[in-house]
């Protein structure tokens, strides 16, 4: 798909274009077992149009390490850090990059330009452009009109455009995501020490049998199925951290919290 607003392929680097999103080809690209082509670990899915972290400026500057991308994600605000963590946690996001190519469009007679904060690549093959803004700014008439035009411009190029505010990562949700990513991080640290590969944990037979009928079960019941043995709570938390099991992240994890098998809609709500 030809798109003058997206960076052109560089034959010297073996760039390949898929839905207007550029992946590094040749030896730098890998094909996953599920058929999804992804760049080599540590290589941005999309070459950032600019670095949001500079040596000068008054804005917040920070980096978030992404195990999913095997590199640091650069952010301009703490809200962007929270959204990056959310993208890191979501099961249906296979990778993401900051500062993708800009969208050009018109609002009335004025030409406008918008560089989204992130581009998220999902398991369904569709990329989503993510703009991060505080709700009080995102809901102003001027930005509403701008985002509406950006949504149409993105759709014309095969993308989805969404605006995420602090409502997507409330206090409880951000705490839950941080805890889940910390569990993954501890597993990575252990794997580095033992030179083992971090693998997604498998659902124990007892839980797989219980969920075969569908529905959800309280956390306390799942712990009983695991025998309430030492390490059962850690095992259950690891399953939640890797999204093998799912719950409403806006709820605190308590014995009464209902847990189920993950569904695509669990994560798609973020991009609604």
Protein backbone atom coordinates (compact mmCIF):
# COMPACT_ATOMS: atom_id res chain seq x y z
CA UNK A 1 0.00 0.00 0.00
CA UNK A 2 1.57 3.27 -1.10
CA UNK A 3 1.57 6.01 1.52
CA UNK A 4 3.43 9.28 1.14
CA UNK A 5 3.11 9.96 4.84
CA UNK A 6 5.01 6.84 5.93
CA UNK A 7 8.75 6.45 5.58
CA UNK A 8 9.89 4.76 2.40
CA UNK A 9 11.64 1.40 2.42
CA UNK A 10 15.42 1.47 2.50
CA UNK A 11 16.79 -1.24 0.17
CA UNK A 12 20.17 -1.10 1.87
CA UNK A 13 18.55 -2.24 5.12
CA UNK A 14 16.22 -4.72 3.51
CA UNK A 15 13.06 -3.01 4.71
CA UNK A 16 9.75 -4.70 3.99
CA UNK A 17 6.37 -3.02 4.17
CA UNK A 18 3.27 -4.67 5.63
CA UNK A 19 0.10 -2.57 5.92
CA UNK A 20 2.31 0.48 5.58
CA UNK A 21 4.26 -0.61 8.68
CA UNK A 22 7.93 -1.18 8.10
CA UNK A 23 9.66 -4.30 9.33
CA UNK A 24 13.32 -5.03 8.94
CA UNK A 25 13.79 -7.85 6.44
CA UNK A 26 16.62 -10.25 5.70
CA UNK A 27 18.59 -11.60 8.62
CA UNK A 28 17.12 -9.02 10.96
CA UNK A 29 13.58 -10.42 10.65
CA UNK A 30 12.15 -13.51 12.28
CA UNK A 31 8.96 -15.45 11.64
CA UNK A 32 7.16 -16.64 14.75
CA UNK A 33 5.50 -20.01 15.09
CA UNK A 34 2.11 -18.33 14.72
CA UNK A 35 3.13 -16.94 11.31
CA UNK A 36 3.61 -13.35 12.45
CA UNK A 37 6.70 -11.67 11.04
CA UNK A 38 8.53 -9.58 13.62
CA UNK A 39 11.90 -7.85 13.73
CA UNK A 40 14.92 -9.19 15.54
CA UNK A 41 14.79 -8.58 19.28
CA UNK A 42 15.95 -5.08 20.09
CA UNK A 43 15.04 -3.70 16.66
CA UNK A 44 12.19 -1.13 16.61
CA UNK A 45 9.09 -2.32 14.76
CA UNK A 46 8.87 1.13 13.22
CA UNK A 47 11.80 3.52 13.00
CA UNK A 48 10.91 6.44 15.32
CA UNK A 49 10.56 9.76 13.47
CA UNK A 50 12.29 11.52 16.34
CA UNK A 51 13.68 10.78 19.77
CA UNK A 52 11.29 11.94 22.49
CA UNK A 53 14.15 11.96 25.00
CA UNK A 54 16.60 14.77 24.44
CA UNK A 55 19.34 16.49 26.39
CA UNK A 56 17.40 19.72 26.77
CA UNK A 57 13.83 20.73 27.34
CA UNK A 58 11.50 21.14 30.28
CA UNK A 59 9.27 18.13 29.65
CA UNK A 60 9.42 14.90 31.61
CA UNK A 61 11.84 12.49 30.02
CA UNK A 62 12.03 8.83 30.84
CA UNK A 63 12.75 5.36 29.55
CA UNK A 64 10.82 2.18 30.11
CA UNK A 65 12.55 -1.15 29.45
CA UNK A 66 10.40 -3.38 27.28
CA UNK A 67 11.14 -7.09 27.40
CA UNK A 68 8.60 -7.51 24.60
CA UNK A 69 10.73 -5.32 22.33
CA UNK A 70 14.08 -6.10 24.04
CA UNK A 71 14.98 -2.40 24.24
CA UNK A 72 14.13 0.78 26.08
CA UNK A 73 10.99 2.67 25.10
CA UNK A 74 11.47 6.44 25.36
CA UNK A 75 8.67 8.50 26.86
CA UNK A 76 7.95 12.19 27.28
CA UNK A 77 5.59 11.98 30.25
CA UNK A 78 4.78 9.71 33.15
CA UNK A 79 1.40 9.01 31.56
CA UNK A 80 3.24 7.69 28.49
CA UNK A 81 5.26 5.41 30.77
CA UNK A 82 2.03 4.02 32.24
CA UNK A 83 0.59 3.43 28.75
CA UNK A 84 3.84 1.76 27.63
CA UNK A 85 3.61 -0.58 30.61
CA UNK A 86 0.01 -1.36 29.68
CA UNK A 87 1.03 -2.20 26.09
CA UNK A 88 3.79 -4.36 27.51
CA UNK A 89 1.28 -6.29 29.61
CA UNK A 90 -1.51 -6.78 27.07
CA UNK A 91 -1.49 -10.24 25.54
CA UNK A 92 -2.82 -9.18 22.15
CA UNK A 93 -0.04 -6.61 21.63
CA UNK A 94 2.97 -8.42 20.15
CA UNK A 95 5.15 -5.32 19.90
CA UNK A 96 5.07 -1.54 19.90
CA UNK A 97 7.25 1.45 19.06
CA UNK A 98 7.29 5.10 20.03
CA UNK A 99 7.00 8.09 17.69
CA UNK A 100 5.75 6.41 14.47
CA UNK A 101 5.50 8.40 11.21
CA UNK A 102 3.15 11.37 11.39
CA UNK A 103 -0.36 11.64 10.01
CA UNK A 104 -1.16 14.63 7.78
CA UNK A 105 -4.77 15.76 7.41
CA UNK A 106 -7.02 18.79 7.29
CA UNK A 107 -9.25 20.24 9.97
CA UNK A 108 -11.50 22.60 8.08
CA UNK A 109 -9.18 24.53 5.77
CA UNK A 110 -6.13 24.08 7.94
CA UNK A 111 -3.52 21.42 7.30
CA UNK A 112 -2.58 19.62 10.48
CA UNK A 113 0.10 17.16 11.48
CA UNK A 114 0.01 14.65 14.32
CA UNK A 115 2.75 12.24 15.39
CA UNK A 116 1.17 9.54 17.58
CA UNK A 117 3.01 8.55 20.73
CA UNK A 118 2.98 4.82 19.94
CA UNK A 119 2.13 2.30 17.29
CA UNK A 120 0.94 -1.03 18.71
CA UNK A 121 1.03 -4.20 16.62
CA UNK A 122 -1.68 -6.68 17.57
CA UNK A 123 -2.09 -10.40 17.12
CA UNK A 124 -4.93 -9.86 14.67
CA UNK A 125 -2.45 -8.24 12.28
CA UNK A 126 -3.86 -4.73 12.58
CA UNK A 127 -1.71 -1.89 13.85
CA UNK A 128 -3.12 0.75 16.15
CA UNK A 129 -1.83 4.31 16.44
CA UNK A 130 -1.98 5.50 20.04
CA UNK A 131 -2.06 9.13 21.13
CA UNK A 132 -1.58 9.72 24.86
CA UNK A 133 -3.21 12.79 26.37
CA UNK A 134 -4.57 13.84 29.78
CA UNK A 135 -8.37 13.67 29.70
CA UNK A 136 -8.78 17.39 30.39
CA UNK A 137 -6.86 18.17 27.19
CA UNK A 138 -8.23 15.33 25.06
CA UNK A 139 -11.79 16.51 25.65
CA UNK A 140 -11.30 20.10 24.50
CA UNK A 141 -13.26 20.98 21.33
CA UNK A 142 -10.09 21.80 19.37
CA UNK A 143 -8.40 18.47 20.09
CA UNK A 144 -11.63 16.52 19.61
CA UNK A 145 -11.87 17.91 16.07
CA UNK A 146 -8.19 17.17 15.45
CA UNK A 147 -8.48 13.59 16.72
CA UNK A 148 -11.63 12.98 14.66
CA UNK A 149 -9.74 14.01 11.52
CA UNK A 150 -6.75 11.92 12.57
CA UNK A 151 -9.02 8.90 13.02
CA UNK A 152 -10.24 9.22 9.42
CA UNK A 153 -6.72 9.74 8.09
CA UNK A 154 -5.47 6.67 9.95
CA UNK A 155 -8.39 4.52 8.77
CA UNK A 156 -7.69 5.49 5.16
CA UNK A 157 -4.20 4.00 5.61
CA UNK A 158 -5.40 0.80 7.29
CA UNK A 159 -4.73 1.86 10.87
CA UNK A 160 -6.86 2.31 13.92
CA UNK A 161 -6.34 5.54 15.87
CA UNK A 162 -7.15 5.77 19.56
CA UNK A 163 -6.60 8.35 22.26
CA UNK A 164 -5.68 6.92 25.66
CA UNK A 165 -5.95 9.01 28.80
CA UNK A 166 -5.25 8.33 32.46
CA UNK A 167 -8.63 6.58 32.56
CA UNK A 168 -7.07 3.63 30.71
CA UNK A 169 -4.57 3.18 33.53
CA UNK A 170 -6.28 4.12 36.75
CA UNK A 171 -4.53 3.78 40.09
CA UNK A 172 -5.54 0.15 40.66
CA UNK A 173 -4.89 -0.87 37.04
CA UNK A 174 -1.44 0.74 36.97
CA UNK A 175 -0.52 -0.93 40.27
CA UNK A 176 -1.69 -4.31 38.96
CA UNK A 177 0.25 -3.92 35.71
CA UNK A 178 3.38 -2.84 37.57
CA UNK A 179 3.13 -5.90 39.85
CA UNK A 180 2.58 -8.28 36.93
CA UNK A 181 5.55 -6.87 35.00
CA UNK A 182 7.68 -7.15 38.14
CA UNK A 183 6.86 -10.87 38.28
CA UNK A 184 7.95 -11.25 34.65
CA UNK A 185 11.10 -9.29 35.45
CA UNK A 186 12.03 -11.60 38.32
CA UNK A 187 11.61 -14.58 36.01
CA UNK A 188 13.90 -12.93 33.44
CA UNK A 189 16.50 -12.28 36.12
CA UNK A 190 16.35 -15.91 37.22
CA UNK A 191 16.59 -17.07 33.61
CA UNK A 192 19.71 -14.96 33.06
CA UNK A 193 21.35 -16.60 36.06
CA UNK A 194 20.51 -20.11 34.88
CA UNK A 195 20.87 -19.32 31.15
CA UNK A 196 17.38 -20.65 30.58
CA UNK A 197 14.81 -19.17 28.22
CA UNK A 198 11.77 -17.47 29.72
CA UNK A 199 8.73 -19.33 28.48
CA UNK A 200 5.05 -18.64 28.92
CA UNK A 201 3.84 -20.92 31.74
CA UNK A 202 1.39 -23.67 30.92
CA UNK A 203 -2.02 -23.89 32.50
CA UNK A 204 -2.03 -26.75 35.06
CA UNK A 205 -4.31 -29.65 34.20
CA UNK A 206 -6.49 -29.03 37.27
CA UNK A 207 -7.22 -25.46 36.16
CA UNK A 208 -7.61 -26.38 32.49
CA UNK A 209 -10.23 -28.96 33.45
CA UNK A 210 -12.06 -26.46 35.66
CA UNK A 211 -12.17 -23.85 32.91
CA UNK A 212 -13.17 -26.33 30.19
CA UNK A 213 -16.79 -25.44 30.83
CA UNK A 214 -16.04 -21.72 30.45
CA UNK A 215 -16.95 -18.98 32.88
CA UNK A 216 -14.85 -17.65 35.73
CA UNK A 217 -13.87 -18.73 39.23
CA UNK A 218 -12.79 -16.81 42.34
CA UNK A 219 -9.10 -16.74 43.12
CA UNK A 220 -9.67 -18.70 46.34
CA UNK A 221 -11.22 -21.60 44.41
CA UNK A 222 -8.28 -21.72 41.99
CA UNK A 223 -5.85 -21.90 44.90
CA UNK A 224 -7.83 -24.84 46.29
CA UNK A 225 -7.60 -26.61 42.93
CA UNK A 226 -3.84 -26.13 43.12
CA UNK A 227 -3.94 -27.84 46.49
CA UNK A 228 -3.21 -24.76 48.60
CA UNK A 229 0.35 -26.05 48.60
CA UNK A 230 3.43 -23.90 49.13
CA UNK A 231 4.08 -22.04 45.93
CA UNK A 232 0.47 -22.26 44.70
CA UNK A 233 -0.08 -18.52 45.08
CA UNK A 234 3.16 -17.76 43.23
CA UNK A 235 2.17 -20.15 40.44
CA UNK A 236 -1.23 -18.51 40.09
CA UNK A 237 0.28 -15.02 40.06
CA UNK A 238 2.72 -16.09 37.34
CA UNK A 239 -0.17 -17.33 35.20
CA UNK A 240 -1.84 -13.94 35.64
CA UNK A 241 1.39 -12.06 34.92
CA UNK A 242 1.78 -13.78 31.56
CA UNK A 243 -1.94 -13.37 30.83
CA UNK A 244 -2.46 -17.14 30.66
CA UNK A 245 -5.32 -16.32 33.02
CA UNK A 246 -7.12 -12.99 33.05
CA UNK A 247 -9.08 -10.71 35.34
CA UNK A 248 -10.37 -7.16 35.26
CA UNK A 249 -7.17 -5.21 35.97
CA UNK A 250 -9.25 -2.36 37.40
CA UNK A 251 -9.98 -4.68 40.33
CA UNK A 252 -7.56 -5.53 43.11
CA UNK A 253 -6.55 -9.16 43.32
CA UNK A 254 -8.31 -10.64 46.32
CA UNK A 255 -9.60 -14.14 47.23
CA UNK A 256 -13.02 -13.15 45.85
CA UNK A 257 -11.68 -11.74 42.54
CA UNK A 258 -13.04 -13.70 39.58
CA UNK A 259 -10.49 -15.07 37.12
CA UNK A 260 -11.06 -16.63 33.71
CA UNK A 261 -9.27 -17.73 30.58
CA UNK A 262 -8.17 -14.73 28.48
CA UNK A 263 -10.37 -13.55 25.67
CA UNK A 264 -9.38 -11.22 22.85
CA UNK A 265 -12.00 -8.74 24.02
CA UNK A 266 -10.28 -8.51 27.41
CA UNK A 267 -7.50 -6.51 25.80
CA UNK A 268 -9.42 -5.04 22.88
CA UNK A 269 -11.45 -2.92 25.26
CA UNK A 270 -8.37 -0.72 25.62
CA UNK A 271 -8.52 0.14 21.91
CA UNK A 272 -12.29 0.62 21.78
